[in-house]
Amino acid sequence: MTRKEVVVCADVSVAWQGDPPNYRVYVGDEMFTERTWIWQEQYLEEMLVVNALPGKYNLRWELVPPAQGKILVTNIRIKHGSHHAHIKKDSQLRITQ
């Protein structure tokens, strides 16, 4: 099997108070990034470049404790590589051969 390159995008926003929170993005069990959220009333288009073997990969965004707030991830989509990948409604990336 050969690896496939897929670009996954999602719109991320965080409602928070106090110190700016950090959040992490995981693809499967691998942490792809950790960011400090500094914006108010805005969203960020998160772009993940995934180079992986065909299979199923859960996508997960989570605030890093002790962050106070709520993260909202919407519009998860394939920006590149859609001929061999798709997103299931449960935030699962599926890469095919």
N, C-alpha and C. Protein backbone atom coordinates (compact mmCIF):
# COMPACT_ATOMS: atom_id res chain seq x y z
N MET A 1 0.83 -1.18 0.00
CA MET A 1 0.00 0.00 0.00
C MET A 1 0.88 1.25 0.00
N THR A 2 0.39 2.26 -0.66
CA THR A 2 1.14 3.51 -0.70
C THR A 2 0.41 4.60 0.08
N ARG A 3 1.19 5.50 0.60
CA ARG A 3 0.63 6.63 1.34
C ARG A 3 -0.08 7.58 0.38
N LYS A 4 -1.11 8.24 0.91
CA LYS A 4 -1.87 9.23 0.15
C LYS A 4 -1.76 10.57 0.88
N GLU A 5 -1.67 11.64 0.12
CA GLU A 5 -1.67 12.97 0.73
C GLU A 5 -3.06 13.57 0.61
N VAL A 6 -3.57 14.01 1.74
CA VAL A 6 -4.90 14.58 1.84
C VAL A 6 -4.79 15.87 2.64
N VAL A 7 -5.47 16.91 2.18
CA VAL A 7 -5.54 18.16 2.95
C VAL A 7 -6.95 18.27 3.50
N VAL A 8 -7.04 18.30 4.83
CA VAL A 8 -8.31 18.41 5.53
C VAL A 8 -8.42 19.82 6.09
N CYS A 9 -9.56 20.47 5.88
CA CYS A 9 -9.80 21.80 6.44
C CYS A 9 -11.02 21.74 7.35
N ALA A 10 -11.02 22.62 8.33
CA ALA A 10 -12.15 22.74 9.24
C ALA A 10 -12.19 24.17 9.77
N ASP A 11 -13.39 24.64 10.07
CA ASP A 11 -13.56 25.96 10.67
C ASP A 11 -13.60 25.77 12.19
N VAL A 12 -12.71 26.45 12.89
CA VAL A 12 -12.56 26.30 14.34
C VAL A 12 -12.82 27.64 15.01
N SER A 13 -13.61 27.61 16.07
CA SER A 13 -13.79 28.80 16.90
C SER A 13 -13.79 28.36 18.36
N VAL A 14 -13.39 29.28 19.23
CA VAL A 14 -13.33 29.00 20.65
C VAL A 14 -13.97 30.15 21.41
N ALA A 15 -14.91 29.82 22.27
CA ALA A 15 -15.49 30.80 23.20
C ALA A 15 -14.72 30.65 24.50
N TRP A 16 -14.13 31.74 24.99
CA TRP A 16 -13.27 31.62 26.17
C TRP A 16 -13.27 32.91 26.98
N GLN A 17 -12.84 32.76 28.23
CA GLN A 17 -12.67 33.88 29.15
C GLN A 17 -11.36 33.67 29.89
N GLY A 18 -10.78 34.75 30.38
CA GLY A 18 -9.55 34.62 31.14
C GLY A 18 -8.35 34.54 30.22
N ASP A 19 -7.40 33.68 30.58
CA ASP A 19 -6.19 33.52 29.79
C ASP A 19 -6.51 32.82 28.46
N PRO A 20 -5.80 33.19 27.38
CA PRO A 20 -6.03 32.52 26.10
C PRO A 20 -5.79 31.01 26.22
N PRO A 21 -6.74 30.21 25.75
CA PRO A 21 -6.60 28.76 25.86
C PRO A 21 -5.72 28.17 24.76
N ASN A 22 -5.18 27.01 25.03
CA ASN A 22 -4.48 26.23 24.02
C ASN A 22 -5.41 25.10 23.58
N TYR A 23 -5.28 24.72 22.31
CA TYR A 23 -6.01 23.54 21.85
C TYR A 23 -5.08 22.68 21.01
N ARG A 24 -5.42 21.41 20.94
CA ARG A 24 -4.64 20.43 20.18
C ARG A 24 -5.53 19.79 19.13
N VAL A 25 -4.88 19.39 18.03
CA VAL A 25 -5.57 18.68 16.96
C VAL A 25 -4.88 17.33 16.78
N TYR A 26 -5.69 16.28 16.78
CA TYR A 26 -5.19 14.91 16.61
C TYR A 26 -5.77 14.30 15.35
N VAL A 27 -4.96 13.53 14.64
CA VAL A 27 -5.41 12.68 13.55
C VAL A 27 -5.03 11.27 13.99
N GLY A 28 -6.04 10.46 14.26
CA GLY A 28 -5.77 9.17 14.89
C GLY A 28 -5.19 9.46 16.27
N ASP A 29 -4.12 8.80 16.63
CA ASP A 29 -3.48 9.03 17.92
C ASP A 29 -2.33 10.02 17.84
N GLU A 30 -2.10 10.59 16.67
CA GLU A 30 -0.97 11.50 16.48
C GLU A 30 -1.40 12.96 16.65
N MET A 31 -0.71 13.69 17.53
CA MET A 31 -1.00 15.11 17.69
C MET A 31 -0.38 15.85 16.51
N PHE A 32 -1.21 16.60 15.78
CA PHE A 32 -0.74 17.33 14.62
C PHE A 32 -0.30 18.74 14.96
N THR A 33 -0.98 19.37 15.89
CA THR A 33 -0.62 20.74 16.23
C THR A 33 -1.17 21.12 17.60
N GLU A 34 -0.55 22.11 18.20
CA GLU A 34 -1.08 22.75 19.41
C GLU A 34 -0.96 24.24 19.18
N ARG A 35 -2.06 24.94 19.41
CA ARG A 35 -2.10 26.38 19.18
C ARG A 35 -2.64 27.10 20.41
N THR A 36 -2.25 28.35 20.55
CA THR A 36 -2.84 29.23 21.54
C THR A 36 -3.89 30.06 20.82
N TRP A 37 -5.12 30.03 21.32
CA TRP A 37 -6.22 30.76 20.70
C TRP A 37 -6.23 32.17 21.27
N ILE A 38 -6.02 33.18 20.43
CA ILE A 38 -5.92 34.56 20.91
C ILE A 38 -7.05 35.45 20.39
N TRP A 39 -7.95 34.90 19.58
CA TRP A 39 -8.96 35.71 18.92
C TRP A 39 -10.27 35.69 19.69
N GLN A 40 -11.04 36.74 19.50
CA GLN A 40 -12.39 36.83 20.07
C GLN A 40 -13.37 37.00 18.90
N GLU A 41 -14.45 36.25 18.94
CA GLU A 41 -15.52 36.36 17.96
C GLU A 41 -15.03 36.21 16.52
N GLN A 42 -14.09 35.31 16.30
CA GLN A 42 -13.58 35.00 14.97
C GLN A 42 -13.40 33.49 14.87
N TYR A 43 -13.21 33.03 13.66
CA TYR A 43 -12.89 31.62 13.49
C TYR A 43 -11.61 31.50 12.67
N LEU A 44 -11.02 30.34 12.73
CA LEU A 44 -9.78 30.03 12.02
C LEU A 44 -10.04 28.85 11.11
N GLU A 45 -9.55 28.91 9.89
CA GLU A 45 -9.63 27.75 9.02
C GLU A 45 -8.37 26.92 9.28
N GLU A 46 -8.57 25.82 9.97
CA GLU A 46 -7.46 24.91 10.29
C GLU A 46 -7.22 24.02 9.09
N MET A 47 -5.95 23.88 8.68
CA MET A 47 -5.60 23.05 7.53
C MET A 47 -4.60 22.00 7.99
N LEU A 48 -4.95 20.73 7.78
CA LEU A 48 -4.10 19.61 8.16
C LEU A 48 -3.65 18.87 6.90
N VAL A 49 -2.35 18.75 6.73
CA VAL A 49 -1.81 17.97 5.61
C VAL A 49 -1.49 16.59 6.15
N VAL A 50 -2.25 15.61 5.70
CA VAL A 50 -2.13 14.23 6.18
C VAL A 50 -1.51 13.39 5.07
N ASN A 51 -0.42 12.72 5.39
CA ASN A 51 0.22 11.80 4.46
C ASN A 51 0.20 10.44 5.15
N ALA A 52 -0.77 9.60 4.76
CA ALA A 52 -0.99 8.37 5.51
C ALA A 52 -1.40 7.22 4.60
N LEU A 53 -1.26 6.04 5.15
CA LEU A 53 -1.72 4.84 4.46
C LEU A 53 -3.25 4.82 4.45
N PRO A 54 -3.85 4.12 3.49
CA PRO A 54 -5.30 3.97 3.51
C PRO A 54 -5.78 3.41 4.85
N GLY A 55 -6.89 3.95 5.33
CA GLY A 55 -7.45 3.51 6.60
C GLY A 55 -8.39 4.56 7.17
N LYS A 56 -8.79 4.34 8.41
CA LYS A 56 -9.72 5.23 9.12
C LYS A 56 -8.95 5.98 10.20
N TYR A 57 -9.14 7.29 10.26
CA TYR A 57 -8.44 8.13 11.23
C TYR A 57 -9.45 9.08 11.88
N ASN A 58 -9.59 8.98 13.20
CA ASN A 58 -10.47 9.90 13.90
C ASN A 58 -9.80 11.26 14.02
N LEU A 59 -10.57 12.31 13.73
CA LEU A 59 -10.10 13.68 13.86
C LEU A 59 -10.63 14.24 15.18
N ARG A 60 -9.74 14.87 15.94
CA ARG A 60 -10.15 15.35 17.27
C ARG A 60 -9.50 16.69 17.58
N TRP A 61 -10.31 17.63 18.03
CA TRP A 61 -9.86 18.93 18.51
C TRP A 61 -10.23 19.00 19.98
N GLU A 62 -9.27 19.39 20.83
CA GLU A 62 -9.59 19.47 22.26
C GLU A 62 -8.82 20.61 22.92
N LEU A 63 -9.49 21.23 23.88
CA LEU A 63 -8.84 22.26 24.68
C LEU A 63 -7.89 21.59 25.66
N VAL A 64 -6.77 22.26 25.92
CA VAL A 64 -5.77 21.73 26.85
C VAL A 64 -6.09 22.26 28.25
N PRO A 65 -6.28 21.36 29.23
CA PRO A 65 -6.54 21.82 30.60
C PRO A 65 -5.39 22.70 31.09
N PRO A 66 -5.66 23.72 31.83
CA PRO A 66 -6.91 24.08 32.50
C PRO A 66 -7.75 25.08 31.72
N ALA A 67 -7.75 25.05 30.42
CA ALA A 67 -8.47 26.02 29.59
C ALA A 67 -9.93 26.12 29.99
N GLN A 68 -10.41 27.34 30.03
CA GLN A 68 -11.81 27.60 30.32
C GLN A 68 -12.46 28.06 29.02
N GLY A 69 -13.35 27.26 28.49
CA GLY A 69 -14.01 27.65 27.26
C GLY A 69 -14.61 26.46 26.56
N LYS A 70 -15.02 26.72 25.33
CA LYS A 70 -15.64 25.66 24.53
C LYS A 70 -15.13 25.81 23.10
N ILE A 71 -14.71 24.69 22.52
CA ILE A 71 -14.23 24.69 21.14
C ILE A 71 -15.34 24.17 20.24
N LEU A 72 -15.50 24.82 19.09
CA LEU A 72 -16.52 24.43 18.12
C LEU A 72 -15.82 24.21 16.78
N VAL A 73 -16.00 23.03 16.21
CA VAL A 73 -15.39 22.67 14.93
C VAL A 73 -16.51 22.35 13.96
N THR A 74 -16.55 23.08 12.85
CA THR A 74 -17.59 22.89 11.85
C THR A 74 -16.97 22.79 10.47
N ASN A 75 -17.79 22.39 9.52
CA ASN A 75 -17.42 22.40 8.11
C ASN A 75 -16.11 21.63 7.84
N ILE A 76 -16.00 20.45 8.40
CA ILE A 76 -14.82 19.62 8.15
C ILE A 76 -14.93 19.08 6.72
N ARG A 77 -13.86 19.27 5.94
CA ARG A 77 -13.92 18.94 4.53
C ARG A 77 -12.55 18.56 3.98
N ILE A 78 -12.56 17.91 2.85
CA ILE A 78 -11.34 17.58 2.13
C ILE A 78 -11.09 18.69 1.12
N LYS A 79 -9.94 19.33 1.22
CA LYS A 79 -9.61 20.41 0.29
C LYS A 79 -8.76 19.88 -0.87
N HIS A 80 -7.99 18.84 -0.63
CA HIS A 80 -7.16 18.23 -1.67
C HIS A 80 -7.10 16.72 -1.40
N GLY A 81 -7.25 15.94 -2.45
CA GLY A 81 -7.19 14.49 -2.29
C GLY A 81 -8.54 13.83 -2.16
N SER A 82 -9.60 14.54 -2.56
CA SER A 82 -10.95 14.00 -2.37
C SER A 82 -11.23 12.77 -3.24
N HIS A 83 -10.39 12.51 -4.25
CA HIS A 83 -10.60 11.32 -5.07
C HIS A 83 -10.19 10.04 -4.33
N HIS A 84 -9.48 10.16 -3.19
CA HIS A 84 -9.15 8.97 -2.40
C HIS A 84 -9.37 9.17 -0.90
N ALA A 85 -10.23 10.14 -0.55
CA ALA A 85 -10.53 10.33 0.87
C ALA A 85 -11.88 11.02 1.04
N HIS A 86 -12.51 10.79 2.18
CA HIS A 86 -13.73 11.51 2.52
C HIS A 86 -13.87 11.58 4.04
N ILE A 87 -14.75 12.45 4.48
CA ILE A 87 -15.01 12.66 5.90
C ILE A 87 -16.37 12.08 6.23
N LYS A 88 -16.41 11.24 7.25
CA LYS A 88 -17.69 10.73 7.76
C LYS A 88 -18.25 11.75 8.74
N LYS A 89 -19.53 11.70 9.00
CA LYS A 89 -20.19 12.66 9.89
C LYS A 89 -19.65 12.64 11.31
N ASP A 90 -19.04 11.54 11.71
CA ASP A 90 -18.52 11.44 13.07
C ASP A 90 -17.06 11.91 13.16
N SER A 91 -16.66 12.80 12.24
CA SER A 91 -15.29 13.36 12.22
C SER A 91 -14.23 12.29 11.99
N GLN A 92 -14.56 11.37 11.14
CA GLN A 92 -13.59 10.32 10.81
C GLN A 92 -13.13 10.53 9.36
N LEU A 93 -11.81 10.58 9.19
CA LEU A 93 -11.20 10.66 7.88
C LEU A 93 -11.01 9.23 7.37
N ARG A 94 -11.50 8.97 6.17
CA ARG A 94 -11.30 7.66 5.55
C ARG A 94 -10.49 7.85 4.28
N ILE A 95 -9.33 7.21 4.24
CA ILE A 95 -8.47 7.26 3.07
C ILE A 95 -8.55 5.91 2.38
N THR A 96 -8.83 5.94 1.09
CA THR A 96 -8.93 4.70 0.31
C THR A 96 -7.74 4.60 -0.65
N GLN A 97 -7.61 3.44 -1.27
CA GLN A 97 -6.48 3.23 -2.19
C GLN A 97 -6.62 3.96 -3.48
